[in-house]
Amino acid sequence: MLPGFLNEIFKSQSYDPDNFFLIAGPCVVEGEELVMEVADKVSAICKRLAIPYVFKASYRKANRTSAGSFTGIGDDNGLSLIKKVGDTFRLPTTSDIHAHDEAAMAAAYIDILQIPAFLCRQTDLLVAAAQTGRIVNVKKGQFLSGPSMKFAVDKIRKAGNDKVMLTERGNTFGYQDLVVDYRNIPWMQEHQAPVIMDCTHALQQPNQVSGVTGGNPQLIGTIAKAAIATGADGLFIETHPNPAVAKSDGANMLQLDRLEDLLVQLLRLRKAVTGPR
């Protein structure tokens, strides 16, 4: 069952409370046409499957390998389009913030503030996010274990906000790869927070000499199925109609027309794992 703060943001949706929830959308706001298309199609899929859905897109990409990489269309433009998606399709929305002075700005537009994995130990950022009163989703650092994420949770709760979630996205393996330790899902659930599996960023191959992050999107289904089998409360999947032309993380995103089949498989697996209720 979802905690009260998630039930509140999903109140406009009809969904099966025994299902996992989904955070999905393109990596970054490239323009209005893209975000509206993705939100329209994913929300329709989730309605059919009774999956609670949060729309995700970054209004700005602050962590890029190359200085020449696309970072966004401007903070105000990006956030305004995310809000338009939420208002149009009656969806909760999320985006990542990168510094403490972005928290209040972003909170005026979105429902969930996402803390990037590289920044999960930044106290000022966590406290500023907590003080907005919004839900705070902290991605586990690639350099941390699940149990050690208790300190990030504590910082948010001590700032007066109990609405915290945690996201697993793999651990650094060598210089240019990541691996997922699925023990982190139940370990982080011990912090009394919903735990999400980031099925796309867990497949990144960062620090490529080309200046563009690589990935293994063909394994998104494998990562997602293992997460559901291990009891993840939610899934994070970046998706795009044509990842080959995406302006950010094209090497990791799931092609949009493949999402529904994957979700159907995952719902079957969820029922097999949890049994009748």
C-alpha atoms as a PDB file:
ATOM      1  CA  MET A   1       0.000   0.000   0.000  1.00  0.00           C
ATOM      2  CA  LEU A   2       1.163   3.510  -0.798  1.00  0.00           C
ATOM      3  CA  PRO A   3       1.810   5.972   2.039  1.00  0.00           C
ATOM      4  CA  GLY A   4      -0.666   8.789   2.559  1.00  0.00           C
ATOM      5  CA  PHE A   5       1.384  11.462   0.837  1.00  0.00           C
ATOM      6  CA  LEU A   6       1.457   9.417  -2.391  1.00  0.00           C
ATOM      7  CA  ASN A   7      -2.243   8.607  -2.211  1.00  0.00           C
ATOM      8  CA  GLU A   8      -2.830  12.342  -1.975  1.00  0.00           C
ATOM      9  CA  ILE A   9      -0.986  13.190  -5.193  1.00  0.00           C
ATOM     10  CA  PHE A  10      -2.653  10.297  -7.023  1.00  0.00           C
ATOM     11  CA  LYS A  11      -6.175  11.197  -5.858  1.00  0.00           C
ATOM     12  CA  SER A  12      -7.247  12.349  -9.332  1.00  0.00           C
ATOM     13  CA  GLN A  13      -6.326   8.956 -10.830  1.00  0.00           C
ATOM     14  CA  SER A  14      -8.180   5.647 -10.701  1.00  0.00           C
ATOM     15  CA  TYR A  15      -5.640   2.947  -9.929  1.00  0.00           C
ATOM     16  CA  ASP A  16      -5.143  -0.397  -8.263  1.00  0.00           C
ATOM     17  CA  PRO A  17      -3.506   0.266  -4.865  1.00  0.00           C
ATOM     18  CA  ASP A  18      -1.720  -3.075  -5.133  1.00  0.00           C
ATOM     19  CA  ASN A  19       0.153  -1.970  -8.261  1.00  0.00           C
ATOM     20  CA  PHE A  20       3.554  -0.336  -8.283  1.00  0.00           C
ATOM     21  CA  PHE A  21       3.605   3.339  -9.263  1.00  0.00           C
ATOM     22  CA  LEU A  22       5.413   4.698 -12.300  1.00  0.00           C
ATOM     23  CA  ILE A  23       7.585   7.782 -12.762  1.00  0.00           C
ATOM     24  CA  ALA A  24       8.154   8.243 -16.482  1.00  0.00           C
ATOM     25  CA  GLY A  25       8.818  10.793 -19.187  1.00  0.00           C
ATOM     26  CA  PRO A  26      11.600  12.109 -21.397  1.00  0.00           C
ATOM     27  CA  CYS A  27      14.988  12.859 -19.871  1.00  0.00           C
ATOM     28  CA  VAL A  28      14.721  16.611 -20.478  1.00  0.00           C
ATOM     29  CA  VAL A  29      12.145  19.125 -21.682  1.00  0.00           C
ATOM     30  CA  GLU A  30      13.078  19.512 -25.346  1.00  0.00           C
ATOM     31  CA  GLY A  31       9.891  21.359 -26.277  1.00  0.00           C
ATOM     32  CA  GLU A  32       6.120  21.379 -25.827  1.00  0.00           C
ATOM     33  CA  GLU A  33       5.315  18.833 -28.530  1.00  0.00           C
ATOM     34  CA  LEU A  34       7.507  16.152 -26.958  1.00  0.00           C
ATOM     35  CA  VAL A  35       6.333  16.490 -23.358  1.00  0.00           C
ATOM     36  CA  MET A  36       2.672  16.608 -24.348  1.00  0.00           C
ATOM     37  CA  GLU A  37       2.989  13.559 -26.595  1.00  0.00           C
ATOM     38  CA  VAL A  38       4.758  11.485 -23.971  1.00  0.00           C
ATOM     39  CA  ALA A  39       2.406  12.505 -21.162  1.00  0.00           C
ATOM     40  CA  ASP A  40      -0.649  11.795 -23.315  1.00  0.00           C
ATOM     41  CA  LYS A  41       0.487   8.323 -24.322  1.00  0.00           C
ATOM     42  CA  VAL A  42       1.906   7.230 -20.952  1.00  0.00           C
ATOM     43  CA  SER A  43      -1.088   8.506 -18.979  1.00  0.00           C
ATOM     44  CA  ALA A  44      -3.426   6.618 -21.325  1.00  0.00           C
ATOM     45  CA  ILE A  45      -1.424   3.418 -20.844  1.00  0.00           C
ATOM     46  CA  CYS A  46      -1.421   3.810 -17.070  1.00  0.00           C
ATOM     47  CA  LYS A  47      -5.174   4.432 -17.015  1.00  0.00           C
ATOM     48  CA  ARG A  48      -5.747   1.202 -18.931  1.00  0.00           C
ATOM     49  CA  LEU A  49      -3.488  -0.718 -16.560  1.00  0.00           C
ATOM     50  CA  ALA A  50      -4.570   1.043 -13.329  1.00  0.00           C
ATOM     51  CA  ILE A  51      -1.009   2.141 -12.557  1.00  0.00           C
ATOM     52  CA  PRO A  52      -0.556   5.420 -10.640  1.00  0.00           C
ATOM     53  CA  TYR A  53       1.602   7.728 -12.733  1.00  0.00           C
ATOM     54  CA  VAL A  54       3.963  10.688 -12.170  1.00  0.00           C
ATOM     55  CA  PHE A  55       5.193  12.620 -15.208  1.00  0.00           C
ATOM     56  CA  LYS A  56       8.945  13.305 -15.186  1.00  0.00           C
ATOM     57  CA  ALA A  57      11.158  15.578 -17.246  1.00  0.00           C
ATOM     58  CA  SER A  58      14.196  17.629 -16.269  1.00  0.00           C
ATOM     59  CA  TYR A  59      13.730  21.355 -16.757  1.00  0.00           C
ATOM     60  CA  ARG A  60      17.502  21.659 -16.881  1.00  0.00           C
ATOM     61  CA  LYS A  61      20.332  19.138 -17.151  1.00  0.00           C
ATOM     62  CA  ALA A  62      23.105  20.404 -14.910  1.00  0.00           C
ATOM     63  CA  ASN A  63      25.194  17.226 -14.968  1.00  0.00           C
ATOM     64  CA  ARG A  64      26.461  16.679 -18.500  1.00  0.00           C
ATOM     65  CA  THR A  65      29.758  15.124 -19.548  1.00  0.00           C
ATOM     66  CA  SER A  66      30.529  17.686 -22.252  1.00  0.00           C
ATOM     67  CA  ALA A  67      30.182  21.461 -22.065  1.00  0.00           C
ATOM     68  CA  GLY A  68      28.608  21.314 -25.516  1.00  0.00           C
ATOM     69  CA  SER A  69      25.720  19.051 -24.467  1.00  0.00           C
ATOM     70  CA  PHE A  70      22.113  20.250 -24.496  1.00  0.00           C
ATOM     71  CA  THR A  71      21.000  21.466 -21.059  1.00  0.00           C
ATOM     72  CA  GLY A  72      17.458  22.734 -21.624  1.00  0.00           C
ATOM     73  CA  ILE A  73      15.246  25.470 -23.034  1.00  0.00           C
ATOM     74  CA  GLY A  74      15.516  27.765 -19.997  1.00  0.00           C
ATOM     75  CA  ASP A  75      14.348  27.183 -16.436  1.00  0.00           C
ATOM     76  CA  ASP A  76      11.093  29.165 -16.660  1.00  0.00           C
ATOM     77  CA  ASN A  77      10.164  27.644 -20.009  1.00  0.00           C
ATOM     78  CA  GLY A  78      10.981  24.110 -18.896  1.00  0.00           C
ATOM     79  CA  LEU A  79       9.149  24.348 -15.585  1.00  0.00           C
ATOM     80  CA  SER A  80       6.136  26.034 -17.201  1.00  0.00           C
ATOM     81  CA  LEU A  81       5.796  23.183 -19.693  1.00  0.00           C
ATOM     82  CA  ILE A  82       6.022  20.578 -16.928  1.00  0.00           C
ATOM     83  CA  LYS A  83       3.272  22.404 -15.054  1.00  0.00           C
ATOM     84  CA  LYS A  84       1.200  22.547 -18.244  1.00  0.00           C
ATOM     85  CA  VAL A  85       1.521  18.760 -18.567  1.00  0.00           C
ATOM     86  CA  GLY A  86       0.350  18.319 -14.979  1.00  0.00           C
ATOM     87  CA  ASP A  87      -2.606  20.652 -15.433  1.00  0.00           C
ATOM     88  CA  THR A  88      -3.623  19.254 -18.823  1.00  0.00           C
ATOM     89  CA  PHE A  89      -3.534  15.573 -17.897  1.00  0.00           C
ATOM     90  CA  ARG A  90      -4.214  15.970 -14.154  1.00  0.00           C
ATOM     91  CA  LEU A  91      -0.922  14.316 -13.266  1.00  0.00           C
ATOM     92  CA  PRO A  92       1.569  14.841 -10.455  1.00  0.00           C
ATOM     93  CA  THR A  93       4.936  15.930 -11.829  1.00  0.00           C
ATOM     94  CA  THR A  94       8.588  15.777 -10.892  1.00  0.00           C
ATOM     95  CA  SER A  95      11.926  17.205 -11.946  1.00  0.00           C
ATOM     96  CA  ASP A  96      15.411  17.344 -10.466  1.00  0.00           C
ATOM     97  CA  ILE A  97      16.943  20.313  -8.686  1.00  0.00           C
ATOM     98  CA  HIS A  98      20.647  20.982  -8.365  1.00  0.00           C
ATOM     99  CA  ALA A  99      21.186  23.725  -5.763  1.00  0.00           C
ATOM    100  CA  HIS A 100      19.422  24.914  -2.628  1.00  0.00           C
ATOM    101  CA  ASP A 101      18.239  28.136  -4.267  1.00  0.00           C
ATOM    102  CA  GLU A 102      16.350  26.149  -6.928  1.00  0.00           C
ATOM    103  CA  ALA A 103      14.106  24.343  -4.443  1.00  0.00           C
ATOM    104  CA  ALA A 104      11.488  27.034  -3.829  1.00  0.00           C
ATOM    105  CA  MET A 105      11.473  28.023  -7.498  1.00  0.00           C
ATOM    106  CA  ALA A 106      10.830  24.479  -8.714  1.00  0.00           C
ATOM    107  CA  ALA A 107       8.318  23.733  -5.947  1.00  0.00           C
ATOM    108  CA  ALA A 108       6.004  26.376  -7.391  1.00  0.00           C
ATOM    109  CA  TYR A 109       5.617  24.234 -10.531  1.00  0.00           C
ATOM    110  CA  ILE A 110       6.045  20.565  -9.556  1.00  0.00           C
ATOM    111  CA  ASP A 111       4.856  18.090  -6.911  1.00  0.00           C
ATOM    112  CA  ILE A 112       7.999  16.052  -6.256  1.00  0.00           C
ATOM    113  CA  LEU A 113      11.519  17.467  -5.987  1.00  0.00           C
ATOM    114  CA  GLN A 114      14.109  14.977  -7.187  1.00  0.00           C
ATOM    115  CA  ILE A 115      17.607  15.089  -5.726  1.00  0.00           C
ATOM    116  CA  PRO A 116      20.236  13.809  -8.191  1.00  0.00           C
ATOM    117  CA  ALA A 117      22.380  10.900  -7.061  1.00  0.00           C
ATOM    118  CA  PHE A 118      25.626  12.859  -7.185  1.00  0.00           C
ATOM    119  CA  LEU A 119      24.079  15.437  -4.812  1.00  0.00           C
ATOM    120  CA  CYS A 120      22.369  13.157  -2.291  1.00  0.00           C
ATOM    121  CA  ARG A 121      24.740  14.186   0.528  1.00  0.00           C
ATOM    122  CA  GLN A 122      24.373  17.957  -0.001  1.00  0.00           C
ATOM    123  CA  THR A 123      22.816  19.053   3.275  1.00  0.00           C
ATOM    124  CA  ASP A 124      21.764  22.540   2.144  1.00  0.00           C
ATOM    125  CA  LEU A 125      20.032  21.061  -0.903  1.00  0.00           C
ATOM    126  CA  LEU A 126      18.183  18.389   1.089  1.00  0.00           C
ATOM    127  CA  VAL A 127      17.062  20.853   3.747  1.00  0.00           C
ATOM    128  CA  ALA A 128      15.904  23.436   1.208  1.00  0.00           C
ATOM    129  CA  ALA A 129      13.904  20.769  -0.633  1.00  0.00           C
ATOM    130  CA  ALA A 130      12.362  19.563   2.626  1.00  0.00           C
ATOM    131  CA  GLN A 131      11.365  23.080   3.642  1.00  0.00           C
ATOM    132  CA  THR A 132       9.220  23.532   0.532  1.00  0.00           C
ATOM    133  CA  GLY A 133       6.791  20.941   1.908  1.00  0.00           C
ATOM    134  CA  ARG A 134       6.888  19.030  -1.365  1.00  0.00           C
ATOM    135  CA  ILE A 135       7.630  15.316  -1.601  1.00  0.00           C
ATOM    136  CA  VAL A 136      11.389  14.786  -1.857  1.00  0.00           C
ATOM    137  CA  ASN A 137      12.743  11.866  -3.899  1.00  0.00           C
ATOM    138  CA  VAL A 138      16.440  11.274  -3.225  1.00  0.00           C
ATOM    139  CA  LYS A 139      18.392   9.169  -5.666  1.00  0.00           C
ATOM    140  CA  LYS A 140      20.976   6.978  -3.948  1.00  0.00           C
ATOM    141  CA  GLY A 141      24.502   8.018  -4.831  1.00  0.00           C
ATOM    142  CA  GLN A 142      26.465   5.700  -7.084  1.00  0.00           C
ATOM    143  CA  PHE A 143      29.037   5.641  -4.286  1.00  0.00           C
ATOM    144  CA  LEU A 144      26.679   4.739  -1.397  1.00  0.00           C
ATOM    145  CA  SER A 145      24.969   1.682   0.049  1.00  0.00           C
ATOM    146  CA  GLY A 146      21.280   1.456   0.805  1.00  0.00           C
ATOM    147  CA  PRO A 147      21.758   1.486   4.587  1.00  0.00           C
ATOM    148  CA  SER A 148      23.842   4.675   4.399  1.00  0.00           C
ATOM    149  CA  MET A 149      20.921   6.537   2.824  1.00  0.00           C
ATOM    150  CA  LYS A 150      19.403   6.804   6.297  1.00  0.00           C
ATOM    151  CA  PHE A 151      21.405   9.979   6.768  1.00  0.00           C
ATOM    152  CA  ALA A 152      19.780  11.665   3.767  1.00  0.00           C
ATOM    153  CA  VAL A 153      16.360  10.612   5.069  1.00  0.00           C
ATOM    154  CA  ASP A 154      17.200  11.932   8.533  1.00  0.00           C
ATOM    155  CA  LYS A 155      18.210  15.349   7.144  1.00  0.00           C
ATOM    156  CA  ILE A 156      14.869  15.730   5.387  1.00  0.00           C
ATOM    157  CA  ARG A 157      12.798  14.553   8.345  1.00  0.00           C
ATOM    158  CA  LYS A 158      14.701  16.715  10.811  1.00  0.00           C
ATOM    159  CA  ALA A 159      13.895  19.669   8.557  1.00  0.00           C
ATOM    160  CA  GLY A 160      10.224  18.936   9.236  1.00  0.00           C
ATOM    161  CA  ASN A 161       9.230  16.920   6.178  1.00  0.00           C
ATOM    162  CA  ASP A 162       8.199  13.249   6.366  1.00  0.00           C
ATOM    163  CA  LYS A 163       7.359  13.028   2.658  1.00  0.00           C
ATOM    164  CA  VAL A 164      10.507  11.319   1.446  1.00  0.00           C
ATOM    165  CA  MET A 165      11.185   8.612  -1.149  1.00  0.00           C
ATOM    166  CA  LEU A 166      14.408   6.897  -2.192  1.00  0.00           C
ATOM    167  CA  THR A 167      15.545   5.737  -5.613  1.00  0.00           C
ATOM    168  CA  GLU A 168      18.050   3.012  -6.431  1.00  0.00           C
ATOM    169  CA  ARG A 169      20.079   3.676  -9.586  1.00  0.00           C
ATOM    170  CA  GLY A 170      23.086   1.383  -9.339  1.00  0.00           C
ATOM    171  CA  ASN A 171      26.645   1.696  -8.094  1.00  0.00           C
ATOM    172  CA  THR A 172      29.791   2.687  -9.920  1.00  0.00           C
ATOM    173  CA  PHE A 173      31.679  -0.317 -11.268  1.00  0.00           C
ATOM    174  CA  GLY A 174      35.078   0.635 -12.583  1.00  0.00           C
ATOM    175  CA  TYR A 175      35.300   3.857 -14.548  1.00  0.00           C
ATOM    176  CA  GLN A 176      32.567   3.431 -17.151  1.00  0.00           C
ATOM    177  CA  ASP A 177      29.867   1.133 -15.869  1.00  0.00           C
ATOM    178  CA  LEU A 178      27.274   0.576 -13.142  1.00  0.00           C
ATOM    179  CA  VAL A 179      25.900  -2.492 -11.400  1.00  0.00           C
ATOM    180  CA  VAL A 180      22.704  -2.876  -9.378  1.00  0.00           C
ATOM    181  CA  ASP A 181      22.755  -4.495  -5.948  1.00  0.00           C
ATOM    182  CA  TYR A 182      19.121  -5.419  -5.363  1.00  0.00           C
ATOM    183  CA  ARG A 183      19.698  -5.801  -1.635  1.00  0.00           C
ATOM    184  CA  ASN A 184      19.466  -2.008  -1.563  1.00  0.00           C
ATOM    185  CA  ILE A 185      15.716  -2.115  -2.219  1.00  0.00           C
ATOM    186  CA  PRO A 186      14.718  -3.864   1.041  1.00  0.00           C
ATOM    187  CA  TRP A 187      17.556  -2.122   2.887  1.00  0.00           C
ATOM    188  CA  MET A 188      16.247   1.314   1.927  1.00  0.00           C
ATOM    189  CA  GLN A 189      12.664   0.304   2.711  1.00  0.00           C
ATOM    190  CA  GLU A 190      13.880  -0.148   6.278  1.00  0.00           C
ATOM    191  CA  HIS A 191      14.131   3.658   6.398  1.00  0.00           C
ATOM    192  CA  GLN A 192      10.295   3.703   6.202  1.00  0.00           C
ATOM    193  CA  ALA A 193      10.324   5.307   2.761  1.00  0.00           C
ATOM    194  CA  PRO A 194       8.934   4.079  -0.564  1.00  0.00           C
ATOM    195  CA  VAL A 195      11.724   2.785  -2.800  1.00  0.00           C
ATOM    196  CA  ILE A 196      11.835   3.272  -6.553  1.00  0.00           C
ATOM    197  CA  MET A 197      14.039   1.525  -9.103  1.00  0.00           C
ATOM    198  CA  ASP A 198      15.524   3.771 -11.772  1.00  0.00           C
ATOM    199  CA  CYS A 199      15.494   1.284 -14.634  1.00  0.00           C
ATOM    200  CA  THR A 200      17.157   3.555 -17.182  1.00  0.00           C
ATOM    201  CA  HIS A 201      19.959   5.391 -15.370  1.00  0.00           C
ATOM    202  CA  ALA A 202      21.023   2.115 -13.758  1.00  0.00           C
ATOM    203  CA  LEU A 203      22.082   1.084 -17.266  1.00  0.00           C
ATOM    204  CA  GLN A 204      24.249   4.097 -17.991  1.00  0.00           C
ATOM    205  CA  GLN A 205      27.843   3.743 -19.108  1.00  0.00           C
ATOM    206  CA  PRO A 206      29.206   7.116 -17.984  1.00  0.00           C
ATOM    207  CA  ASN A 207      32.517   8.852 -18.605  1.00  0.00           C
ATOM    208  CA  GLN A 208      32.864   7.753 -22.214  1.00  0.00           C
ATOM    209  CA  VAL A 209      35.756   9.391 -24.051  1.00  0.00           C
ATOM    210  CA  SER A 210      33.283  10.574 -26.703  1.00  0.00           C
ATOM    211  CA  GLY A 211      31.784  12.959 -24.137  1.00  0.00           C
ATOM    212  CA  VAL A 212      28.377  11.288 -24.472  1.00  0.00           C
ATOM    213  CA  THR A 213      27.148   8.787 -21.884  1.00  0.00           C
ATOM    214  CA  GLY A 214      26.482   5.293 -23.221  1.00  0.00           C
ATOM    215  CA  GLY A 215      23.980   2.723 -22.050  1.00  0.00           C
ATOM    216  CA  ASN A 216      22.273  -0.652 -22.402  1.00  0.00           C
ATOM    217  CA  PRO A 217      18.574   0.051 -22.973  1.00  0.00           C
ATOM    218  CA  GLN A 218      17.967  -3.520 -24.109  1.00  0.00           C
ATOM    219  CA  LEU A 219      18.267  -4.483 -20.425  1.00  0.00           C
ATOM    220  CA  ILE A 220      15.596  -2.104 -19.105  1.00  0.00           C
ATOM    221  CA  GLY A 221      13.114  -4.971 -18.868  1.00  0.00           C
ATOM    222  CA  THR A 222      15.612  -7.105 -16.971  1.00  0.00           C
ATOM    223  CA  ILE A 223      16.305  -4.349 -14.444  1.00  0.00           C
ATOM    224  CA  ALA A 224      12.588  -3.630 -14.007  1.00  0.00           C
ATOM    225  CA  LYS A 225      11.599  -7.279 -13.549  1.00  0.00           C
ATOM    226  CA  ALA A 226      14.295  -7.877 -10.961  1.00  0.00           C
ATOM    227  CA  ALA A 227      13.173  -4.748  -9.098  1.00  0.00           C
ATOM    228  CA  ILE A 228       9.548  -5.878  -8.999  1.00  0.00           C
ATOM    229  CA  ALA A 229      10.641  -9.341  -7.847  1.00  0.00           C
ATOM    230  CA  THR A 230      12.623  -7.708  -5.033  1.00  0.00           C
ATOM    231  CA  GLY A 231       9.667  -5.641  -3.858  1.00  0.00           C
ATOM    232  CA  ALA A 232      10.233  -2.160  -5.299  1.00  0.00           C
ATOM    233  CA  ASP A 233       7.335   0.203  -4.627  1.00  0.00           C
ATOM    234  CA  GLY A 234       7.790   2.169  -7.836  1.00  0.00           C
ATOM    235  CA  LEU A 235       9.662   2.259 -11.125  1.00  0.00           C
ATOM    236  CA  PHE A 236      11.404   5.167 -12.849  1.00  0.00           C
ATOM    237  CA  ILE A 237      11.635   4.795 -16.628  1.00  0.00           C
ATOM    238  CA  GLU A 238      12.718   7.512 -19.024  1.00  0.00           C
ATOM    239  CA  THR A 239      10.993   7.126 -22.367  1.00  0.00           C
ATOM    240  CA  HIS A 240      11.003   8.905 -25.710  1.00  0.00           C
ATOM    241  CA  PRO A 241       9.238   8.360 -29.064  1.00  0.00           C
ATOM    242  CA  ASN A 242      12.631   8.180 -30.796  1.00  0.00           C
ATOM    243  CA  PRO A 243      15.564   7.842 -28.376  1.00  0.00           C
ATOM    244  CA  ALA A 244      18.057   8.022 -31.256  1.00  0.00           C
ATOM    245  CA  VAL A 245      17.298  11.729 -31.696  1.00  0.00           C
ATOM    246  CA  ALA A 246      16.799  12.616 -28.027  1.00  0.00           C
ATOM    247  CA  LYS A 247      18.848  15.578 -26.818  1.00  0.00           C
ATOM    248  CA  SER A 248      19.844  13.885 -23.553  1.00  0.00           C
ATOM    249  CA  ASP A 249      20.316  10.264 -22.442  1.00  0.00           C
ATOM    250  CA  GLY A 250      19.138   8.789 -25.715  1.00  0.00           C
ATOM    251  CA  ALA A 251      21.402   5.803 -25.061  1.00  0.00           C
ATOM    252  CA  ASN A 252      19.393   4.834 -21.970  1.00  0.00           C
ATOM    253  CA  MET A 253      15.758   5.621 -22.700  1.00  0.00           C
ATOM    254  CA  LEU A 254      13.041   3.126 -23.545  1.00  0.00           C
ATOM    255  CA  GLN A 255      11.320   3.636 -26.879  1.00  0.00           C
ATOM    256  CA  LEU A 256       7.823   4.844 -26.072  1.00  0.00           C
ATOM    257  CA  ASP A 257       5.977   2.245 -28.136  1.00  0.00           C
ATOM    258  CA  ARG A 258       7.598  -0.538 -26.079  1.00  0.00           C
ATOM    259  CA  LEU A 259       6.422   0.744 -22.693  1.00  0.00           C
ATOM    260  CA  GLU A 260       2.961  -0.812 -22.531  1.00  0.00           C
ATOM    261  CA  ASP A 261       4.091  -4.376 -23.244  1.00  0.00           C
ATOM    262  CA  LEU A 262       6.754  -4.081 -20.553  1.00  0.00           C
ATOM    263  CA  LEU A 263       4.280  -2.750 -17.988  1.00  0.00           C
ATOM    264  CA  VAL A 264       1.860  -5.600 -18.712  1.00  0.00           C
ATOM    265  CA  GLN A 265       4.642  -8.109 -18.034  1.00  0.00           C
ATOM    266  CA  LEU A 266       5.592  -6.304 -14.842  1.00  0.00           C
ATOM    267  CA  LEU A 267       2.037  -6.324 -13.514  1.00  0.00           C
ATOM    268  CA  ARG A 268       1.851 -10.072 -14.050  1.00  0.00           C
ATOM    269  CA  LEU A 269       5.130 -10.511 -12.224  1.00  0.00           C
ATOM    270  CA  ARG A 270       3.967  -8.273  -9.385  1.00  0.00           C
ATOM    271  CA  LYS A 271       0.866 -10.417  -8.871  1.00  0.00           C
ATOM    272  CA  ALA A 272       2.932 -13.596  -8.981  1.00  0.00           C
ATOM    273  CA  VAL A 273       5.333 -12.234  -6.368  1.00  0.00           C
ATOM    274  CA  THR A 274       2.804 -10.723  -3.988  1.00  0.00           C
ATOM    275  CA  GLY A 275       0.091 -13.377  -4.358  1.00  0.00           C
ATOM    276  CA  PRO A 276      -3.633 -12.819  -3.690  1.00  0.00           C
ATOM    277  CA  ARG A 277      -4.503 -10.036  -1.240  1.00  0.00           C
END
